[in-house]
Amino acid sequence: MAALVVAAMTLFTVDQRQYAIIFQLGEVKEVIREPGLAFKWPMIQNVRFFDKRILTLDTAEPERFLTAEKKPVLVDSYVKWRIHDVKQYYISVGGDETVAKTRLAQTVNSGLREEFGKRTVHDVVSGARDKIMADVQKKADADMRAIGVEIVDVRLKRVDYPIDVSESVYRRMETERKRVANELRSQGAAEAEKIRADADRQREVIVAEAYRDAQKTKGEGDARAASIYGQAFGQNAEFYSFYRSLEAYRGSFKNKSDVLVVEPNSDFFKYLKSPGKGGGK
């Protein structure tokens, strides 16, 4: 039984998620970084454990920073960190995680304020966020190594305008979008008018050319028909005269209601009076 009590007072286990420091009379005697079973002298030595895992420092409220144009932005960020040198960590902050987080928050806040102060609103909202995070992480890591802490990552969760600034920005954006929309509509209307005018011009040209070609074809057809008629009727002038008289009769007596007043002995009726004599008197 006594052996078990002595073993309990002298042996302890270091978890794989922890560092352990053995103190002797208040001074650091040994640092244990690997998990397993370890030994300490009872009564004169004691052990403290420190978290080896990656920890998170998340801002409770967004921080207000000024950009290069002196415009305020609200920045919500978080930091991933861990104890790198547990002995230095204990010496610097007494192993108190709250003190370490305070130092860490001040360092990161200062770095972000400096980086935002060098950039425009457009850069911090979209264009340079990755660069800002990388620069702050690098600088904060270099500073925090002095207290035994490693900065694993710095992330910007959100970058917004304050409410009073957001309304002004949104109004300005809305005005700008309306201006661009009106400009595009004007350009579209002008382009549409240009297209319509060009289409009307092309239509006029096409119609004129079609009419010209039609008249040319019609004229050629009339000339060809006249030539054929001339050749046909030239072979018998009397028949031609008779045919023309028939055409005139057909045109004159087309309707029963038509009235024609001429002298009975007019040449118009010569073929009606003497159809068998070739129109002779």
Protein backbone atom coordinates (compact mmCIF):
# COMPACT_ATOMS: atom_id res chain seq x y z
CA MET A 1 0.00 0.00 0.00
CA ALA A 2 2.83 2.37 0.89
CA ALA A 3 4.45 1.53 -2.42
CA LEU A 4 1.31 2.58 -4.29
CA VAL A 5 1.18 5.88 -2.42
CA VAL A 6 4.83 6.59 -3.20
CA ALA A 7 4.28 5.68 -6.86
CA ALA A 8 1.29 8.00 -7.05
CA MET A 9 3.35 10.84 -5.62
CA THR A 10 6.38 10.27 -7.86
CA LEU A 11 4.91 9.13 -11.20
CA PHE A 12 2.63 11.07 -13.53
CA THR A 13 1.40 10.79 -17.12
CA VAL A 14 1.91 13.39 -19.83
CA ASP A 15 -0.93 13.40 -22.41
CA GLN A 16 -0.05 13.70 -26.10
CA ARG A 17 -1.98 16.96 -26.20
CA GLN A 18 0.10 18.54 -23.43
CA TYR A 19 3.48 19.86 -22.42
CA ALA A 20 4.63 19.40 -18.81
CA ILE A 21 7.02 21.47 -16.73
CA ILE A 22 8.55 20.07 -13.54
CA PHE A 23 9.23 22.77 -10.92
CA GLN A 24 11.59 22.40 -8.00
CA LEU A 25 11.14 24.95 -5.26
CA GLY A 26 9.48 27.31 -7.74
CA GLU A 27 12.15 27.05 -10.44
CA VAL A 28 11.87 25.27 -13.79
CA LYS A 29 13.67 21.97 -13.41
CA GLU A 30 12.64 20.08 -16.53
CA VAL A 31 10.40 20.49 -19.62
CA ILE A 32 8.65 17.38 -20.94
CA ARG A 33 7.47 17.67 -24.54
CA GLU A 34 6.78 14.01 -25.37
CA PRO A 35 3.80 12.00 -24.04
CA GLY A 36 4.30 9.11 -21.63
CA LEU A 37 5.08 8.26 -18.03
CA ALA A 38 7.38 10.70 -16.14
CA PHE A 39 8.99 10.92 -12.67
CA LYS A 40 9.18 13.72 -10.09
CA TRP A 41 10.42 13.91 -6.55
CA PRO A 42 7.59 14.11 -4.10
CA MET A 43 7.27 17.06 -1.76
CA ILE A 44 10.05 19.10 -3.44
CA GLN A 45 8.85 18.99 -7.05
CA ASN A 46 5.51 19.77 -8.68
CA VAL A 47 4.16 19.63 -12.25
CA ARG A 48 2.14 22.02 -14.41
CA PHE A 49 0.57 21.08 -17.73
CA PHE A 50 0.16 23.32 -20.79
CA ASP A 51 -1.96 22.80 -23.88
CA LYS A 52 0.02 21.71 -26.95
CA ARG A 53 -2.89 22.00 -29.41
CA ILE A 54 -3.64 24.85 -31.81
CA LEU A 55 -5.82 27.39 -30.01
CA THR A 56 -8.17 30.05 -31.35
CA LEU A 57 -8.39 33.71 -30.43
CA ASP A 58 -11.63 35.11 -31.83
CA THR A 59 -12.57 38.76 -31.50
CA ALA A 60 -15.80 39.29 -29.58
CA GLU A 61 -16.70 42.43 -31.54
CA PRO A 62 -15.46 43.71 -34.92
CA GLU A 63 -12.58 46.17 -34.63
CA ARG A 64 -12.77 49.60 -36.28
CA PHE A 65 -9.79 50.50 -38.51
CA LEU A 66 -9.06 53.40 -40.86
CA THR A 67 -7.95 52.88 -44.46
CA ALA A 68 -5.48 55.00 -46.42
CA GLU A 69 -8.37 57.34 -47.38
CA LYS A 70 -9.23 57.73 -43.67
CA LYS A 71 -12.44 55.77 -44.16
CA PRO A 72 -13.52 53.52 -41.28
CA VAL A 73 -14.11 49.80 -41.75
CA LEU A 74 -15.23 47.13 -39.31
CA VAL A 75 -12.99 44.07 -39.29
CA ASP A 76 -13.95 40.70 -37.79
CA SER A 77 -10.95 38.37 -37.49
CA TYR A 78 -9.55 35.40 -35.63
CA VAL A 79 -6.09 34.01 -34.89
CA LYS A 80 -4.84 30.44 -34.70
CA TRP A 81 -1.92 30.04 -32.29
CA ARG A 82 -0.10 27.52 -30.13
CA ILE A 83 2.65 27.31 -27.54
CA HIS A 84 5.94 26.84 -29.32
CA ASP A 85 8.47 27.16 -26.47
CA VAL A 86 6.69 26.19 -23.28
CA LYS A 87 9.57 27.29 -20.99
CA GLN A 88 9.75 30.74 -22.57
CA TYR A 89 5.95 30.89 -22.47
CA TYR A 90 5.99 30.29 -18.72
CA ILE A 91 8.78 32.79 -18.12
CA SER A 92 7.09 35.51 -20.21
CA VAL A 93 3.44 35.26 -19.15
CA GLY A 94 3.65 33.00 -16.11
CA GLY A 95 1.86 30.29 -18.06
CA ASP A 96 -1.34 32.34 -17.90
CA GLU A 97 -3.33 31.84 -21.13
CA THR A 98 -5.41 34.97 -20.50
CA VAL A 99 -2.27 37.12 -20.38
CA ALA A 100 -0.95 35.43 -23.51
CA LYS A 101 -4.23 36.12 -25.35
CA THR A 102 -4.12 39.76 -24.31
CA ARG A 103 -0.58 40.14 -25.67
CA LEU A 104 -1.56 38.28 -28.81
CA ALA A 105 -4.67 40.40 -29.39
CA GLN A 106 -2.66 43.62 -29.00
CA THR A 107 0.01 42.42 -31.43
CA VAL A 108 -2.45 41.29 -34.12
CA ASN A 109 -4.61 44.40 -33.69
CA SER A 110 -1.57 46.62 -34.16
CA GLY A 111 -0.53 44.70 -37.27
CA LEU A 112 -4.00 44.91 -38.81
CA ARG A 113 -4.25 48.61 -38.06
CA GLU A 114 -0.93 49.20 -39.81
CA GLU A 115 -1.82 47.10 -42.85
CA PHE A 116 -5.27 48.66 -43.28
CA GLY A 117 -3.78 52.12 -42.95
CA LYS A 118 -1.61 51.47 -46.01
CA ARG A 119 -4.43 50.33 -48.29
CA THR A 120 -7.59 51.69 -49.89
CA VAL A 121 -11.12 50.51 -49.17
CA HIS A 122 -11.21 48.55 -52.44
CA ASP A 123 -7.99 46.77 -51.53
CA VAL A 124 -9.09 45.73 -48.06
CA VAL A 125 -12.56 44.66 -49.18
CA SER A 126 -11.51 42.51 -52.10
CA GLY A 127 -8.14 42.91 -53.74
CA ALA A 128 -5.55 42.55 -50.95
CA ARG A 129 -7.16 40.50 -48.17
CA ASP A 130 -4.86 37.51 -48.67
CA LYS A 131 -1.81 39.78 -48.64
CA ILE A 132 -2.99 41.52 -45.46
CA MET A 133 -3.53 38.21 -43.65
CA ALA A 134 -0.15 36.85 -44.73
CA ASP A 135 1.72 40.03 -43.72
CA VAL A 136 0.01 40.26 -40.31
CA GLN A 137 0.61 36.57 -39.61
CA LYS A 138 4.29 36.87 -40.47
CA LYS A 139 4.86 39.98 -38.36
CA ALA A 140 2.79 38.78 -35.39
CA ASP A 141 4.58 35.42 -35.42
CA ALA A 142 7.96 37.14 -35.29
CA ASP A 143 6.85 39.28 -32.34
CA MET A 144 5.13 36.51 -30.37
CA ARG A 145 8.07 34.12 -30.64
CA ALA A 146 9.61 36.24 -27.88
CA ILE A 147 7.04 34.83 -25.43
CA GLY A 148 7.18 31.28 -26.79
CA VAL A 149 4.06 31.50 -28.96
CA GLU A 150 3.73 30.58 -32.65
CA ILE A 151 1.10 32.29 -34.83
CA VAL A 152 -0.25 29.62 -37.16
CA ASP A 153 -2.74 31.74 -39.08
CA VAL A 154 -4.57 35.08 -39.13
CA ARG A 155 -7.95 35.19 -40.88
CA LEU A 156 -10.27 38.05 -41.80
CA LYS A 157 -13.79 36.74 -41.50
CA ARG A 158 -15.51 39.92 -42.61
CA VAL A 159 -14.71 43.47 -43.61
CA ASP A 160 -17.69 45.86 -43.58
CA TYR A 161 -18.47 49.53 -43.48
CA PRO A 162 -19.97 50.99 -40.30
CA ILE A 163 -23.72 51.50 -40.58
CA ASP A 164 -23.45 55.27 -41.03
CA VAL A 165 -20.89 54.84 -43.79
CA SER A 166 -22.68 51.88 -45.41
CA GLU A 167 -25.81 53.90 -46.14
CA SER A 168 -23.80 56.63 -47.81
CA VAL A 169 -21.79 54.08 -49.81
CA TYR A 170 -24.91 52.21 -50.91
CA ARG A 171 -26.56 55.43 -52.04
CA ARG A 172 -23.46 56.36 -54.00
CA MET A 173 -23.28 52.89 -55.52
CA GLU A 174 -26.96 53.06 -56.44
CA THR A 175 -26.48 56.46 -58.10
CA GLU A 176 -23.46 55.16 -59.99
CA ARG A 177 -25.32 52.03 -61.15
CA LYS A 178 -28.24 54.16 -62.33
CA ARG A 179 -25.86 56.44 -64.23
CA VAL A 180 -24.22 53.46 -65.91
CA ALA A 181 -27.64 51.93 -66.71
CA ASN A 182 -28.88 55.19 -68.27
CA GLU A 183 -25.68 55.49 -70.27
CA LEU A 184 -26.06 51.94 -71.56
CA ARG A 185 -29.72 52.57 -72.42
CA SER A 186 -28.74 55.71 -74.35
CA GLN A 187 -26.04 53.84 -76.20
CA GLY A 188 -28.48 51.03 -76.97
CA ALA A 189 -31.13 53.45 -78.24
CA ALA A 190 -28.59 55.22 -80.45
CA GLU A 191 -27.33 51.91 -81.80
CA ALA A 192 -30.91 50.72 -82.42
CA GLU A 193 -31.71 53.94 -84.29
CA LYS A 194 -28.57 53.52 -86.35
CA ILE A 195 -29.51 49.92 -87.20
CA ARG A 196 -33.07 50.94 -88.13
CA ALA A 197 -31.81 53.78 -90.34
CA ASP A 198 -29.37 51.44 -92.07
CA ALA A 199 -32.12 48.84 -92.55
CA ASP A 200 -34.47 51.49 -94.03
CA ARG A 201 -31.71 52.65 -96.38
CA GLN A 202 -31.00 49.12 -97.50
CA ARG A 203 -34.72 48.51 -98.02
CA GLU A 204 -35.02 51.62 -100.20
CA VAL A 205 -31.99 50.57 -102.22
CA ILE A 206 -33.28 47.02 -102.66
CA VAL A 207 -36.77 48.21 -103.67
CA ALA A 208 -35.31 50.76 -106.12
CA GLU A 209 -32.99 48.19 -107.64
CA ALA A 210 -35.83 45.65 -107.87
CA TYR A 211 -38.09 48.23 -109.55
CA ARG A 212 -35.32 49.17 -111.95
CA ASP A 213 -34.70 45.55 -112.85
CA ALA A 214 -38.44 44.92 -113.19
CA GLN A 215 -38.88 47.89 -115.49
CA LYS A 216 -35.87 46.83 -117.50
CA THR A 217 -37.23 43.30 -117.83
CA LYS A 218 -40.69 44.60 -118.66
CA GLY A 219 -39.28 46.91 -121.29
CA GLU A 220 -37.25 44.12 -122.82
CA GLY A 221 -40.37 41.92 -122.77
CA ASP A 222 -42.52 44.63 -124.40
CA ALA A 223 -39.86 45.20 -127.03
CA ARG A 224 -39.62 41.48 -127.68
CA ALA A 225 -43.41 41.18 -127.85
CA ALA A 226 -43.68 44.14 -130.23
CA SER A 227 -41.00 42.59 -132.41
CA ILE A 228 -42.84 39.26 -132.47
CA TYR A 229 -46.18 40.99 -133.16
CA GLY A 230 -44.56 43.04 -135.91
CA GLN A 231 -43.06 40.00 -137.55
CA ALA A 232 -46.31 38.02 -137.26
CA PHE A 233 -48.69 40.68 -138.44
CA GLY A 234 -46.28 42.00 -141.05
CA GLN A 235 -46.84 38.83 -143.03
CA ASN A 236 -50.55 39.80 -143.54
CA ALA A 237 -51.44 43.47 -143.00
CA GLU A 238 -55.14 42.89 -143.64
CA PHE A 239 -55.32 40.19 -140.96
CA TYR A 240 -53.51 42.50 -138.57
CA SER A 241 -56.06 45.22 -139.19
CA PHE A 242 -58.88 42.71 -138.68
CA TYR A 243 -57.35 41.46 -135.41
CA ARG A 244 -56.96 44.98 -134.09
CA SER A 245 -60.61 45.71 -134.92
CA LEU A 246 -61.72 42.61 -133.00
CA GLU A 247 -59.71 43.74 -130.00
CA ALA A 248 -61.37 47.14 -130.23
CA TYR A 249 -64.85 45.52 -130.44
CA ARG A 250 -64.11 43.34 -127.43
CA GLY A 251 -62.94 46.32 -125.41
CA SER A 252 -65.87 48.50 -126.43
CA PHE A 253 -68.69 46.00 -125.88
CA LYS A 254 -67.35 44.37 -122.73
CA ASN A 255 -70.37 45.29 -120.60
CA LYS A 256 -74.01 45.24 -121.64
CA SER A 257 -74.55 48.61 -120.02
CA ASP A 258 -71.88 50.31 -122.12
CA VAL A 259 -73.13 52.91 -124.58
CA LEU A 260 -71.13 53.91 -127.69
CA VAL A 261 -72.22 56.76 -129.92
CA VAL A 262 -70.60 56.71 -133.40
CA GLU A 263 -71.75 57.27 -136.96
CA PRO A 264 -73.02 54.13 -138.69
CA ASN A 265 -70.73 54.67 -141.67
CA SER A 266 -67.63 55.03 -139.44
CA ASP A 267 -64.56 52.96 -140.24
CA PHE A 268 -64.99 51.43 -136.80
CA PHE A 269 -67.75 49.17 -138.21
CA LYS A 270 -66.20 48.30 -141.54
CA TYR A 271 -65.63 44.65 -140.62
CA LEU A 272 -69.12 44.40 -139.19
CA LYS A 273 -70.69 45.75 -142.34
CA SER A 274 -68.68 43.68 -144.81
CA PRO A 275 -67.02 40.81 -142.95
CA GLY A 276 -66.54 38.73 -146.04
CA LYS A 277 -64.96 41.41 -148.20
CA GLY A 278 -61.96 42.18 -146.09
CA GLY A 279 -63.51 45.40 -144.85
CA GLY A 280 -64.04 46.84 -148.30
CA LYS A 281 -66.60 49.64 -148.81
